[in-house]
Amino acid sequence: MIEKGKRKIIIRCCSVVLMIFAVVFGSTFPNNYCLGDRIFAGLGLNAWSEGTQGNHYPAILALVMVAAWAISLI
């Protein structure tokens, strides 16, 4: 069993990694490259609800990951 203090440190380290991944996942870089779009395409899913517009699913998922990050810090 992991001690309570070590467990808290592990959770916080994982939360930092989650936050970094969420930012990279939901961001579009200067050359119009979006990691979230590429991952969705690789899984055979549409990144947008209406072709190239509408709801951007990777951005929504990134916001969920940011919310999980914020909750893990409590």
C-alpha atoms as a PDB file:
ATOM      1  CA  MET A   1       0.000   0.000   0.000  1.00  0.00           C
ATOM      2  CA  ILE A   2       1.263   3.456  -0.893  1.00  0.00           C
ATOM      3  CA  GLU A   3       1.566   5.982   1.923  1.00  0.00           C
ATOM      4  CA  LYS A   4      -0.919   8.822   1.875  1.00  0.00           C
ATOM      5  CA  GLY A   5       1.782  11.478   1.294  1.00  0.00           C
ATOM      6  CA  LYS A   6       3.410   9.581  -1.566  1.00  0.00           C
ATOM      7  CA  ARG A   7       0.005   8.874  -3.083  1.00  0.00           C
ATOM      8  CA  LYS A   8      -0.781  12.593  -3.091  1.00  0.00           C
ATOM      9  CA  ILE A   9       2.537  13.384  -4.809  1.00  0.00           C
ATOM     10  CA  ILE A  10       1.907  10.720  -7.470  1.00  0.00           C
ATOM     11  CA  ILE A  11      -1.590  12.084  -8.151  1.00  0.00           C
ATOM     12  CA  ARG A  12      -0.271  15.630  -8.482  1.00  0.00           C
ATOM     13  CA  CYS A  13       2.525  14.551 -10.855  1.00  0.00           C
ATOM     14  CA  CYS A  14       0.011  12.686 -12.998  1.00  0.00           C
ATOM     15  CA  SER A  15      -2.254  15.723 -12.967  1.00  0.00           C
ATOM     16  CA  VAL A  16       0.549  17.921 -14.321  1.00  0.00           C
ATOM     17  CA  VAL A  17       1.109  15.436 -17.162  1.00  0.00           C
ATOM     18  CA  LEU A  18      -2.663  15.414 -17.808  1.00  0.00           C
ATOM     19  CA  MET A  19      -2.745  19.218 -17.968  1.00  0.00           C
ATOM     20  CA  ILE A  20       0.170  19.383 -20.409  1.00  0.00           C
ATOM     21  CA  PHE A  21      -1.437  16.708 -22.596  1.00  0.00           C
ATOM     22  CA  ALA A  22      -4.794  18.549 -22.494  1.00  0.00           C
ATOM     23  CA  VAL A  23      -3.188  21.786 -23.697  1.00  0.00           C
ATOM     24  CA  VAL A  24      -1.278  20.040 -26.496  1.00  0.00           C
ATOM     25  CA  PHE A  25      -4.316  17.899 -27.415  1.00  0.00           C
ATOM     26  CA  GLY A  26      -6.656  20.871 -27.765  1.00  0.00           C
ATOM     27  CA  SER A  27      -4.274  23.422 -29.298  1.00  0.00           C
ATOM     28  CA  THR A  28      -3.726  24.226 -32.941  1.00  0.00           C
ATOM     29  CA  PHE A  29      -0.125  24.996 -33.784  1.00  0.00           C
ATOM     30  CA  PRO A  30       1.015  27.661 -36.318  1.00  0.00           C
ATOM     31  CA  ASN A  31       1.186  25.173 -39.192  1.00  0.00           C
ATOM     32  CA  ASN A  32      -2.516  24.261 -38.604  1.00  0.00           C
ATOM     33  CA  TYR A  33      -1.536  21.002 -36.891  1.00  0.00           C
ATOM     34  CA  CYS A  34      -3.868  19.847 -34.127  1.00  0.00           C
ATOM     35  CA  LEU A  35      -2.852  16.694 -32.264  1.00  0.00           C
ATOM     36  CA  GLY A  36      -6.456  16.085 -31.206  1.00  0.00           C
ATOM     37  CA  ASP A  37      -7.622  16.146 -34.836  1.00  0.00           C
ATOM     38  CA  ARG A  38      -4.906  13.661 -35.795  1.00  0.00           C
ATOM     39  CA  ILE A  39      -5.791  11.282 -32.964  1.00  0.00           C
ATOM     40  CA  PHE A  40      -9.494  11.425 -33.820  1.00  0.00           C
ATOM     41  CA  ALA A  41      -8.714  10.807 -37.503  1.00  0.00           C
ATOM     42  CA  GLY A  42      -6.501   7.868 -36.562  1.00  0.00           C
ATOM     43  CA  LEU A  43      -9.400   6.386 -34.601  1.00  0.00           C
ATOM     44  CA  GLY A  44     -11.734   6.909 -37.559  1.00  0.00           C
ATOM     45  CA  LEU A  45     -13.744   9.638 -35.812  1.00  0.00           C
ATOM     46  CA  ASN A  46     -14.702  13.092 -37.067  1.00  0.00           C
ATOM     47  CA  ALA A  47     -13.071  15.931 -35.143  1.00  0.00           C
ATOM     48  CA  TRP A  48     -15.930  18.314 -35.994  1.00  0.00           C
ATOM     49  CA  SER A  49     -19.665  17.783 -35.601  1.00  0.00           C
ATOM     50  CA  GLU A  50     -20.512  19.271 -39.032  1.00  0.00           C
ATOM     51  CA  GLY A  51     -17.584  18.484 -41.299  1.00  0.00           C
ATOM     52  CA  THR A  52     -15.146  21.370 -40.774  1.00  0.00           C
ATOM     53  CA  GLN A  53     -17.269  23.455 -38.422  1.00  0.00           C
ATOM     54  CA  GLY A  54     -19.602  23.045 -35.472  1.00  0.00           C
ATOM     55  CA  ASN A  55     -18.504  21.473 -32.210  1.00  0.00           C
ATOM     56  CA  HIS A  56     -14.805  20.648 -32.074  1.00  0.00           C
ATOM     57  CA  TYR A  57     -14.698  17.377 -30.167  1.00  0.00           C
ATOM     58  CA  PRO A  58     -10.955  17.446 -29.329  1.00  0.00           C
ATOM     59  CA  ALA A  59     -11.398  20.885 -27.735  1.00  0.00           C
ATOM     60  CA  ILE A  60     -14.328  19.628 -25.659  1.00  0.00           C
ATOM     61  CA  LEU A  61     -12.287  16.617 -24.558  1.00  0.00           C
ATOM     62  CA  ALA A  62      -9.372  18.932 -23.691  1.00  0.00           C
ATOM     63  CA  LEU A  63     -11.701  21.017 -21.492  1.00  0.00           C
ATOM     64  CA  VAL A  64     -12.840  17.842 -19.729  1.00  0.00           C
ATOM     65  CA  MET A  65      -9.180  16.952 -19.104  1.00  0.00           C
ATOM     66  CA  VAL A  66      -8.512  20.452 -17.712  1.00  0.00           C
ATOM     67  CA  ALA A  67     -11.518  20.046 -15.400  1.00  0.00           C
ATOM     68  CA  ALA A  68     -10.156  16.672 -14.244  1.00  0.00           C
ATOM     69  CA  TRP A  69      -6.808  18.339 -13.614  1.00  0.00           C
ATOM     70  CA  ALA A  70      -8.419  21.068 -11.518  1.00  0.00           C
ATOM     71  CA  ILE A  71     -10.431  18.556  -9.487  1.00  0.00           C
ATOM     72  CA  SER A  72      -7.324  16.438  -8.836  1.00  0.00           C
ATOM     73  CA  LEU A  73      -5.643  19.405  -7.130  1.00  0.00           C
ATOM     74  CA  ILE A  74      -8.316  19.625  -4.470  1.00  0.00           C
END
